[in-house]
């Protein structure tokens, strides 16, 4: 058995939520390297053509579905559309999410609920549907949840003002652990990618305010993460190389 077997994804289909830009787009590029059929969900119509053009320039083809997963019923629509386009979902990447900051004493209920709705509730619902209809019946599947190092620690820097975000990412981490325990009998692996400082994962205004140098000083390699640092990890969790790895959190922060 040679090395390519372990990372071979030809003939597999991946559904990536929030693949329009940032980490989701990087993961799409990575899975395409291994000849995965991509189905990408996007929230914004206005940025869709730009991303399609970007992928086309790399000779990457993908099916697209526009859906706002914070709206009731849209996860059902997304799953049905994805299944109708491909007939199967081998790999589910739960990446859609938002980051916004406010202190604990000033955070609005509306802002907190919106973040929890997209960052954890929508992923729970989409995973439930895809798992029940397409993974459990076939006794196989790969689920990759994208969280953050913010979900692993309570003492995040005060300048991030991320109590609601950390709460949602911590929920994603434990959702992964619990689901891995439940669905292991169906040969479904569930793991988490937890990036540190990646420009594509941060709000533009926060990244502009803090700057590259400020963030780089807080990572041992002296630099922030880039798209290449995430791609190998995504391929690992999507492929046979992680066949006996489940419920794990892979931190990608340079430490």
C-alpha atoms as a PDB file:
ATOM      1  CA  UNK A   1       0.000   0.000   0.000  1.00  0.00           C
ATOM      2  CA  UNK A   2       1.695   3.210  -1.156  1.00  0.00           C
ATOM      3  CA  UNK A   3       1.548   6.701   0.313  1.00  0.00           C
ATOM      4  CA  UNK A   4      -0.857   8.201  -2.292  1.00  0.00           C
ATOM      5  CA  UNK A   5      -3.552   5.718  -1.159  1.00  0.00           C
ATOM      6  CA  UNK A   6      -3.786   7.368   2.225  1.00  0.00           C
ATOM      7  CA  UNK A   7      -4.494  10.812   0.769  1.00  0.00           C
ATOM      8  CA  UNK A   8      -6.387   9.731  -2.349  1.00  0.00           C
ATOM      9  CA  UNK A   9      -9.769  11.511  -2.672  1.00  0.00           C
ATOM     10  CA  UNK A  10     -10.641  10.953  -6.322  1.00  0.00           C
ATOM     11  CA  UNK A  11     -14.337  10.093  -6.666  1.00  0.00           C
ATOM     12  CA  UNK A  12     -15.194  11.687  -3.321  1.00  0.00           C
ATOM     13  CA  UNK A  13     -17.660  14.549  -2.937  1.00  0.00           C
ATOM     14  CA  UNK A  14     -17.236  17.325  -0.371  1.00  0.00           C
ATOM     15  CA  UNK A  15     -19.819  19.853   0.793  1.00  0.00           C
ATOM     16  CA  UNK A  16     -18.179  22.977   2.209  1.00  0.00           C
ATOM     17  CA  UNK A  17     -20.326  25.522   4.013  1.00  0.00           C
ATOM     18  CA  UNK A  18     -18.975  29.054   3.957  1.00  0.00           C
ATOM     19  CA  UNK A  19     -16.585  28.354   1.101  1.00  0.00           C
ATOM     20  CA  UNK A  20     -16.852  31.731  -0.555  1.00  0.00           C
ATOM     21  CA  UNK A  21     -13.647  33.098   0.943  1.00  0.00           C
ATOM     22  CA  UNK A  22     -11.160  32.692   3.765  1.00  0.00           C
ATOM     23  CA  UNK A  23     -10.501  29.329   5.364  1.00  0.00           C
ATOM     24  CA  UNK A  24     -13.362  27.617   3.552  1.00  0.00           C
ATOM     25  CA  UNK A  25     -11.951  28.665   0.197  1.00  0.00           C
ATOM     26  CA  UNK A  26      -8.482  27.441   1.197  1.00  0.00           C
ATOM     27  CA  UNK A  27      -9.949  24.066   2.146  1.00  0.00           C
ATOM     28  CA  UNK A  28     -11.760  23.880  -1.202  1.00  0.00           C
ATOM     29  CA  UNK A  29      -8.470  24.496  -3.004  1.00  0.00           C
ATOM     30  CA  UNK A  30      -6.795  21.780  -0.926  1.00  0.00           C
ATOM     31  CA  UNK A  31      -9.442  19.141  -1.579  1.00  0.00           C
ATOM     32  CA  UNK A  32      -9.401  19.908  -5.288  1.00  0.00           C
ATOM     33  CA  UNK A  33      -5.692  19.027  -5.356  1.00  0.00           C
ATOM     34  CA  UNK A  34      -6.794  15.489  -4.492  1.00  0.00           C
ATOM     35  CA  UNK A  35      -9.504  15.495  -7.219  1.00  0.00           C
ATOM     36  CA  UNK A  36     -12.467  15.910  -4.894  1.00  0.00           C
ATOM     37  CA  UNK A  37     -15.813  16.949  -6.391  1.00  0.00           C
ATOM     38  CA  UNK A  38     -16.679  20.212  -4.630  1.00  0.00           C
ATOM     39  CA  UNK A  39     -20.064  21.576  -3.622  1.00  0.00           C
ATOM     40  CA  UNK A  40     -19.670  24.971  -1.988  1.00  0.00           C
ATOM     41  CA  UNK A  41     -22.327  26.950  -0.167  1.00  0.00           C
ATOM     42  CA  UNK A  42     -22.154  30.725  -0.144  1.00  0.00           C
ATOM     43  CA  UNK A  43     -24.102  33.358   1.722  1.00  0.00           C
ATOM     44  CA  UNK A  44     -23.443  36.358  -0.521  1.00  0.00           C
ATOM     45  CA  UNK A  45     -24.611  36.562  -4.129  1.00  0.00           C
ATOM     46  CA  UNK A  46     -22.479  39.648  -4.748  1.00  0.00           C
ATOM     47  CA  UNK A  47     -19.139  37.929  -4.043  1.00  0.00           C
ATOM     48  CA  UNK A  48     -19.995  34.654  -5.719  1.00  0.00           C
ATOM     49  CA  UNK A  49     -18.806  35.571  -9.213  1.00  0.00           C
ATOM     50  CA  UNK A  50     -15.484  36.835  -7.870  1.00  0.00           C
ATOM     51  CA  UNK A  51     -14.829  33.536  -6.120  1.00  0.00           C
ATOM     52  CA  UNK A  52     -15.966  31.530  -9.134  1.00  0.00           C
ATOM     53  CA  UNK A  53     -13.528  33.491 -11.279  1.00  0.00           C
ATOM     54  CA  UNK A  54     -10.726  32.853  -8.775  1.00  0.00           C
ATOM     55  CA  UNK A  55     -11.330  29.105  -8.777  1.00  0.00           C
ATOM     56  CA  UNK A  56     -11.694  28.994 -12.556  1.00  0.00           C
ATOM     57  CA  UNK A  57      -8.273  30.628 -12.879  1.00  0.00           C
ATOM     58  CA  UNK A  58      -6.918  27.635 -10.947  1.00  0.00           C
ATOM     59  CA  UNK A  59      -8.881  25.176 -13.121  1.00  0.00           C
ATOM     60  CA  UNK A  60     -11.082  24.288 -10.171  1.00  0.00           C
ATOM     61  CA  UNK A  61     -14.699  23.388 -10.897  1.00  0.00           C
ATOM     62  CA  UNK A  62     -17.384  23.435  -8.232  1.00  0.00           C
ATOM     63  CA  UNK A  63     -21.133  23.336  -7.817  1.00  0.00           C
ATOM     64  CA  UNK A  64     -22.507  26.348  -5.969  1.00  0.00           C
ATOM     65  CA  UNK A  65     -25.473  26.778  -3.646  1.00  0.00           C
ATOM     66  CA  UNK A  66     -26.480  30.141  -2.199  1.00  0.00           C
ATOM     67  CA  UNK A  67     -28.060  29.763   1.242  1.00  0.00           C
ATOM     68  CA  UNK A  68     -28.137  31.747   4.474  1.00  0.00           C
ATOM     69  CA  UNK A  69     -27.854  29.049   7.098  1.00  0.00           C
ATOM     70  CA  UNK A  70     -29.097  31.326   9.872  1.00  0.00           C
ATOM     71  CA  UNK A  71     -32.592  31.244   8.351  1.00  0.00           C
ATOM     72  CA  UNK A  72     -34.841  28.395   9.437  1.00  0.00           C
ATOM     73  CA  UNK A  73     -35.235  25.818   6.702  1.00  0.00           C
ATOM     74  CA  UNK A  74     -32.151  26.818   4.755  1.00  0.00           C
ATOM     75  CA  UNK A  75     -29.997  23.979   6.048  1.00  0.00           C
ATOM     76  CA  UNK A  76     -32.665  21.616   4.739  1.00  0.00           C
ATOM     77  CA  UNK A  77     -32.581  23.411   1.395  1.00  0.00           C
ATOM     78  CA  UNK A  78     -28.776  23.328   1.290  1.00  0.00           C
ATOM     79  CA  UNK A  79     -28.582  19.620   2.023  1.00  0.00           C
ATOM     80  CA  UNK A  80     -31.278  18.737  -0.519  1.00  0.00           C
ATOM     81  CA  UNK A  81     -29.603  20.826  -3.228  1.00  0.00           C
ATOM     82  CA  UNK A  82     -26.202  19.306  -2.503  1.00  0.00           C
ATOM     83  CA  UNK A  83     -27.575  15.780  -2.613  1.00  0.00           C
ATOM     84  CA  UNK A  84     -29.505  16.462  -5.827  1.00  0.00           C
ATOM     85  CA  UNK A  85     -26.338  17.748  -7.510  1.00  0.00           C
ATOM     86  CA  UNK A  86     -24.081  14.876  -6.490  1.00  0.00           C
ATOM     87  CA  UNK A  87     -26.137  12.005  -5.118  1.00  0.00           C
ATOM     88  CA  UNK A  88     -23.779  11.606  -2.177  1.00  0.00           C
ATOM     89  CA  UNK A  89     -21.728  13.538   0.354  1.00  0.00           C
ATOM     90  CA  UNK A  90     -18.540  11.820   1.496  1.00  0.00           C
ATOM     91  CA  UNK A  91     -16.961  14.808   3.246  1.00  0.00           C
ATOM     92  CA  UNK A  92     -18.746  17.581   5.126  1.00  0.00           C
ATOM     93  CA  UNK A  93     -16.796  20.712   6.033  1.00  0.00           C
ATOM     94  CA  UNK A  94     -18.611  22.947   8.514  1.00  0.00           C
ATOM     95  CA  UNK A  95     -16.838  26.256   8.084  1.00  0.00           C
ATOM     96  CA  UNK A  96     -19.450  29.018   7.870  1.00  0.00           C
ATOM     97  CA  UNK A  97     -19.062  31.473  10.713  1.00  0.00           C
ATOM     98  CA  UNK A  98     -18.777  35.060  11.824  1.00  0.00           C
ATOM     99  CA  UNK A  99     -16.490  36.917  14.195  1.00  0.00           C
ATOM    100  CA  UNK A 100     -17.564  40.059  16.001  1.00  0.00           C
ATOM    101  CA  UNK A 101     -16.324  41.637  19.170  1.00  0.00           C
ATOM    102  CA  UNK A 102     -17.849  43.180  22.253  1.00  0.00           C
ATOM    103  CA  UNK A 103     -17.131  42.983  25.946  1.00  0.00           C
ATOM    104  CA  UNK A 104     -19.185  40.679  28.147  1.00  0.00           C
ATOM    105  CA  UNK A 105     -20.958  43.579  29.797  1.00  0.00           C
ATOM    106  CA  UNK A 106     -21.854  45.279  26.520  1.00  0.00           C
ATOM    107  CA  UNK A 107     -22.543  42.396  24.137  1.00  0.00           C
ATOM    108  CA  UNK A 108     -26.052  42.573  22.703  1.00  0.00           C
ATOM    109  CA  UNK A 109     -28.407  39.628  22.859  1.00  0.00           C
ATOM    110  CA  UNK A 110     -29.060  39.983  19.128  1.00  0.00           C
ATOM    111  CA  UNK A 111     -25.355  39.858  18.292  1.00  0.00           C
ATOM    112  CA  UNK A 112     -24.746  36.874  20.534  1.00  0.00           C
ATOM    113  CA  UNK A 113     -27.727  34.963  19.145  1.00  0.00           C
ATOM    114  CA  UNK A 114     -26.702  35.650  15.545  1.00  0.00           C
ATOM    115  CA  UNK A 115     -23.216  34.322  16.222  1.00  0.00           C
ATOM    116  CA  UNK A 116     -24.430  31.199  18.021  1.00  0.00           C
ATOM    117  CA  UNK A 117     -27.011  30.609  15.298  1.00  0.00           C
ATOM    118  CA  UNK A 118     -24.445  30.514  12.493  1.00  0.00           C
ATOM    119  CA  UNK A 119     -21.337  29.298  14.326  1.00  0.00           C
ATOM    120  CA  UNK A 120     -22.891  26.242  15.981  1.00  0.00           C
ATOM    121  CA  UNK A 121     -26.658  25.803  15.452  1.00  0.00           C
ATOM    122  CA  UNK A 122     -26.472  25.787  11.646  1.00  0.00           C
ATOM    123  CA  UNK A 123     -23.615  23.269  11.715  1.00  0.00           C
ATOM    124  CA  UNK A 124     -25.524  20.982  14.067  1.00  0.00           C
ATOM    125  CA  UNK A 125     -28.564  21.005  11.769  1.00  0.00           C
ATOM    126  CA  UNK A 126     -26.608  20.515   8.543  1.00  0.00           C
ATOM    127  CA  UNK A 127     -24.548  17.704  10.065  1.00  0.00           C
ATOM    128  CA  UNK A 128     -27.684  16.029  11.375  1.00  0.00           C
ATOM    129  CA  UNK A 129     -29.325  16.008   7.936  1.00  0.00           C
ATOM    130  CA  UNK A 130     -26.265  14.941   5.937  1.00  0.00           C
ATOM    131  CA  UNK A 131     -25.325  12.311   8.492  1.00  0.00           C
ATOM    132  CA  UNK A 132     -28.789  10.805   8.724  1.00  0.00           C
ATOM    133  CA  UNK A 133     -29.505  10.776   4.985  1.00  0.00           C
ATOM    134  CA  UNK A 134     -26.149  10.184   3.345  1.00  0.00           C
ATOM    135  CA  UNK A 135     -23.449   9.049   5.775  1.00  0.00           C
ATOM    136  CA  UNK A 136     -25.068   6.686   8.260  1.00  0.00           C
ATOM    137  CA  UNK A 137     -26.909   4.655   5.551  1.00  0.00           C
ATOM    138  CA  UNK A 138     -23.608   4.184   3.691  1.00  0.00           C
ATOM    139  CA  UNK A 139     -21.667   3.472   6.899  1.00  0.00           C
ATOM    140  CA  UNK A 140     -18.929   5.987   6.103  1.00  0.00           C
ATOM    141  CA  UNK A 141     -18.182   9.688   6.193  1.00  0.00           C
ATOM    142  CA  UNK A 142     -15.723  12.416   7.070  1.00  0.00           C
ATOM    143  CA  UNK A 143     -16.806  15.509   8.994  1.00  0.00           C
ATOM    144  CA  UNK A 144     -14.396  18.407   9.424  1.00  0.00           C
ATOM    145  CA  UNK A 145     -15.472  21.202  11.742  1.00  0.00           C
ATOM    146  CA  UNK A 146     -13.592  24.485  11.560  1.00  0.00           C
ATOM    147  CA  UNK A 147     -13.382  26.180  14.949  1.00  0.00           C
ATOM    148  CA  UNK A 148     -10.618  28.313  16.465  1.00  0.00           C
ATOM    149  CA  UNK A 149      -8.035  28.332  19.214  1.00  0.00           C
ATOM    150  CA  UNK A 150     -10.456  30.779  20.850  1.00  0.00           C
ATOM    151  CA  UNK A 151     -12.658  27.779  21.616  1.00  0.00           C
ATOM    152  CA  UNK A 152      -9.912  26.106  23.638  1.00  0.00           C
ATOM    153  CA  UNK A 153      -9.109  28.815  26.158  1.00  0.00           C
ATOM    154  CA  UNK A 154     -11.040  31.176  28.349  1.00  0.00           C
ATOM    155  CA  UNK A 155      -8.353  33.810  28.780  1.00  0.00           C
ATOM    156  CA  UNK A 156      -8.280  35.175  25.246  1.00  0.00           C
ATOM    157  CA  UNK A 157      -6.601  38.575  24.905  1.00  0.00           C
ATOM    158  CA  UNK A 158      -8.839  41.438  25.984  1.00  0.00           C
ATOM    159  CA  UNK A 159      -8.183  43.269  22.721  1.00  0.00           C
ATOM    160  CA  UNK A 160     -10.146  40.586  20.859  1.00  0.00           C
ATOM    161  CA  UNK A 161     -13.297  41.163  22.936  1.00  0.00           C
ATOM    162  CA  UNK A 162     -14.380  37.675  21.962  1.00  0.00           C
ATOM    163  CA  UNK A 163     -16.549  36.223  24.703  1.00  0.00           C
ATOM    164  CA  UNK A 164     -19.435  35.308  22.393  1.00  0.00           C
ATOM    165  CA  UNK A 165     -17.086  34.041  19.698  1.00  0.00           C
ATOM    166  CA  UNK A 166     -15.118  31.907  22.176  1.00  0.00           C
ATOM    167  CA  UNK A 167     -18.383  30.500  23.492  1.00  0.00           C
ATOM    168  CA  UNK A 168     -19.527  29.481  20.019  1.00  0.00           C
ATOM    169  CA  UNK A 169     -16.158  27.936  19.128  1.00  0.00           C
ATOM    170  CA  UNK A 170     -15.992  26.054  22.418  1.00  0.00           C
ATOM    171  CA  UNK A 171     -19.424  24.650  21.616  1.00  0.00           C
ATOM    172  CA  UNK A 172     -18.123  23.533  18.217  1.00  0.00           C
ATOM    173  CA  UNK A 173     -15.222  21.706  19.852  1.00  0.00           C
ATOM    174  CA  UNK A 174     -17.418  19.765  22.263  1.00  0.00           C
ATOM    175  CA  UNK A 175     -20.050  19.132  19.585  1.00  0.00           C
ATOM    176  CA  UNK A 176     -17.261  17.428  17.651  1.00  0.00           C
ATOM    177  CA  UNK A 177     -16.139  15.306  20.574  1.00  0.00           C
ATOM    178  CA  UNK A 178     -19.678  14.201  21.414  1.00  0.00           C
ATOM    179  CA  UNK A 179     -20.593  13.436  17.808  1.00  0.00           C
ATOM    180  CA  UNK A 180     -17.396  11.448  17.271  1.00  0.00           C
ATOM    181  CA  UNK A 181     -18.442   9.234  20.161  1.00  0.00           C
ATOM    182  CA  UNK A 182     -21.966   8.741  18.827  1.00  0.00           C
ATOM    183  CA  UNK A 183     -21.210   8.169  15.153  1.00  0.00           C
ATOM    184  CA  UNK A 184     -18.018   6.159  15.448  1.00  0.00           C
ATOM    185  CA  UNK A 185     -20.015   2.947  15.068  1.00  0.00           C
ATOM    186  CA  UNK A 186     -21.036   4.132  11.589  1.00  0.00           C
ATOM    187  CA  UNK A 187     -17.426   4.534  10.477  1.00  0.00           C
ATOM    188  CA  UNK A 188     -17.806   8.326  10.469  1.00  0.00           C
ATOM    189  CA  UNK A 189     -14.894  10.403  11.726  1.00  0.00           C
ATOM    190  CA  UNK A 190     -15.466  13.865  13.180  1.00  0.00           C
ATOM    191  CA  UNK A 191     -12.546  16.204  13.827  1.00  0.00           C
ATOM    192  CA  UNK A 192     -11.786  19.886  14.360  1.00  0.00           C
ATOM    193  CA  UNK A 193      -9.361  22.260  12.703  1.00  0.00           C
ATOM    194  CA  UNK A 194      -8.580  25.058  15.168  1.00  0.00           C
ATOM    195  CA  UNK A 195      -6.585  27.830  13.456  1.00  0.00           C
ATOM    196  CA  UNK A 196      -4.814  30.618  15.266  1.00  0.00           C
ATOM    197  CA  UNK A 197      -4.152  33.975  13.623  1.00  0.00           C
ATOM    198  CA  UNK A 198      -5.034  33.745   9.936  1.00  0.00           C
ATOM    199  CA  UNK A 199      -5.841  37.005   8.116  1.00  0.00           C
ATOM    200  CA  UNK A 200      -8.563  35.273   6.132  1.00  0.00           C
ATOM    201  CA  UNK A 201     -10.280  34.160   9.349  1.00  0.00           C
ATOM    202  CA  UNK A 202     -10.347  37.592  10.986  1.00  0.00           C
ATOM    203  CA  UNK A 203     -12.642  40.548  10.390  1.00  0.00           C
ATOM    204  CA  UNK A 204     -10.937  43.041   8.080  1.00  0.00           C
ATOM    205  CA  UNK A 205     -11.362  45.910  10.526  1.00  0.00           C
ATOM    206  CA  UNK A 206      -9.774  43.939  13.387  1.00  0.00           C
ATOM    207  CA  UNK A 207      -6.856  42.781  11.251  1.00  0.00           C
ATOM    208  CA  UNK A 208      -6.286  46.318   9.983  1.00  0.00           C
ATOM    209  CA  UNK A 209      -6.408  47.733  13.501  1.00  0.00           C
ATOM    210  CA  UNK A 210      -3.971  45.235  15.019  1.00  0.00           C
ATOM    211  CA  UNK A 211      -1.644  44.781  12.052  1.00  0.00           C
ATOM    212  CA  UNK A 212       0.496  41.881  10.875  1.00  0.00           C
ATOM    213  CA  UNK A 213       3.490  42.658  13.102  1.00  0.00           C
ATOM    214  CA  UNK A 214       1.413  42.759  16.277  1.00  0.00           C
ATOM    215  CA  UNK A 215      -0.124  39.360  15.562  1.00  0.00           C
ATOM    216  CA  UNK A 216       3.113  37.785  14.291  1.00  0.00           C
ATOM    217  CA  UNK A 217       4.871  38.590  17.565  1.00  0.00           C
ATOM    218  CA  UNK A 218       2.366  36.338  19.340  1.00  0.00           C
ATOM    219  CA  UNK A 219       3.219  33.225  17.314  1.00  0.00           C
ATOM    220  CA  UNK A 220       6.456  31.241  17.897  1.00  0.00           C
ATOM    221  CA  UNK A 221       7.453  31.244  14.184  1.00  0.00           C
ATOM    222  CA  UNK A 222       7.205  35.031  14.212  1.00  0.00           C
ATOM    223  CA  UNK A 223       4.573  35.124  11.488  1.00  0.00           C
ATOM    224  CA  UNK A 224       0.852  34.639  11.054  1.00  0.00           C
ATOM    225  CA  UNK A 225      -0.736  31.704   9.260  1.00  0.00           C
ATOM    226  CA  UNK A 226      -1.380  31.566   5.540  1.00  0.00           C
ATOM    227  CA  UNK A 227      -3.487  29.395   3.256  1.00  0.00           C
ATOM    228  CA  UNK A 228      -0.781  26.759   2.792  1.00  0.00           C
ATOM    229  CA  UNK A 229      -0.625  26.092   6.530  1.00  0.00           C
ATOM    230  CA  UNK A 230      -4.215  24.864   6.587  1.00  0.00           C
ATOM    231  CA  UNK A 231      -4.392  22.778   3.419  1.00  0.00           C
ATOM    232  CA  UNK A 232      -2.382  19.766   4.548  1.00  0.00           C
ATOM    233  CA  UNK A 233      -4.431  19.435   7.719  1.00  0.00           C
ATOM    234  CA  UNK A 234      -7.666  19.543   5.730  1.00  0.00           C
ATOM    235  CA  UNK A 235      -6.477  16.773   3.417  1.00  0.00           C
ATOM    236  CA  UNK A 236      -5.446  14.695   6.441  1.00  0.00           C
ATOM    237  CA  UNK A 237      -8.903  14.799   8.026  1.00  0.00           C
ATOM    238  CA  UNK A 238     -10.695  14.257   4.697  1.00  0.00           C
ATOM    239  CA  UNK A 239      -8.665  11.219   3.660  1.00  0.00           C
ATOM    240  CA  UNK A 240      -7.925   7.639   4.680  1.00  0.00           C
ATOM    241  CA  UNK A 241      -4.846   8.917   6.492  1.00  0.00           C
ATOM    242  CA  UNK A 242      -7.170   9.811   9.392  1.00  0.00           C
ATOM    243  CA  UNK A 243      -9.247   6.628   9.241  1.00  0.00           C
ATOM    244  CA  UNK A 244      -8.526   5.880  12.918  1.00  0.00           C
ATOM    245  CA  UNK A 245      -8.527   9.485  14.131  1.00  0.00           C
ATOM    246  CA  UNK A 246     -11.757  10.947  15.466  1.00  0.00           C
ATOM    247  CA  UNK A 247     -12.875  13.453  18.077  1.00  0.00           C
ATOM    248  CA  UNK A 248      -9.547  15.266  17.797  1.00  0.00           C
ATOM    249  CA  UNK A 249      -8.697  18.966  17.719  1.00  0.00           C
ATOM    250  CA  UNK A 250      -5.788  19.913  15.484  1.00  0.00           C
ATOM    251  CA  UNK A 251      -4.490  23.327  16.517  1.00  0.00           C
ATOM    252  CA  UNK A 252      -2.830  25.236  13.679  1.00  0.00           C
ATOM    253  CA  UNK A 253      -1.281  28.260  15.329  1.00  0.00           C
ATOM    254  CA  UNK A 254       2.479  27.830  14.932  1.00  0.00           C
ATOM    255  CA  UNK A 255       3.039  26.371  18.393  1.00  0.00           C
END
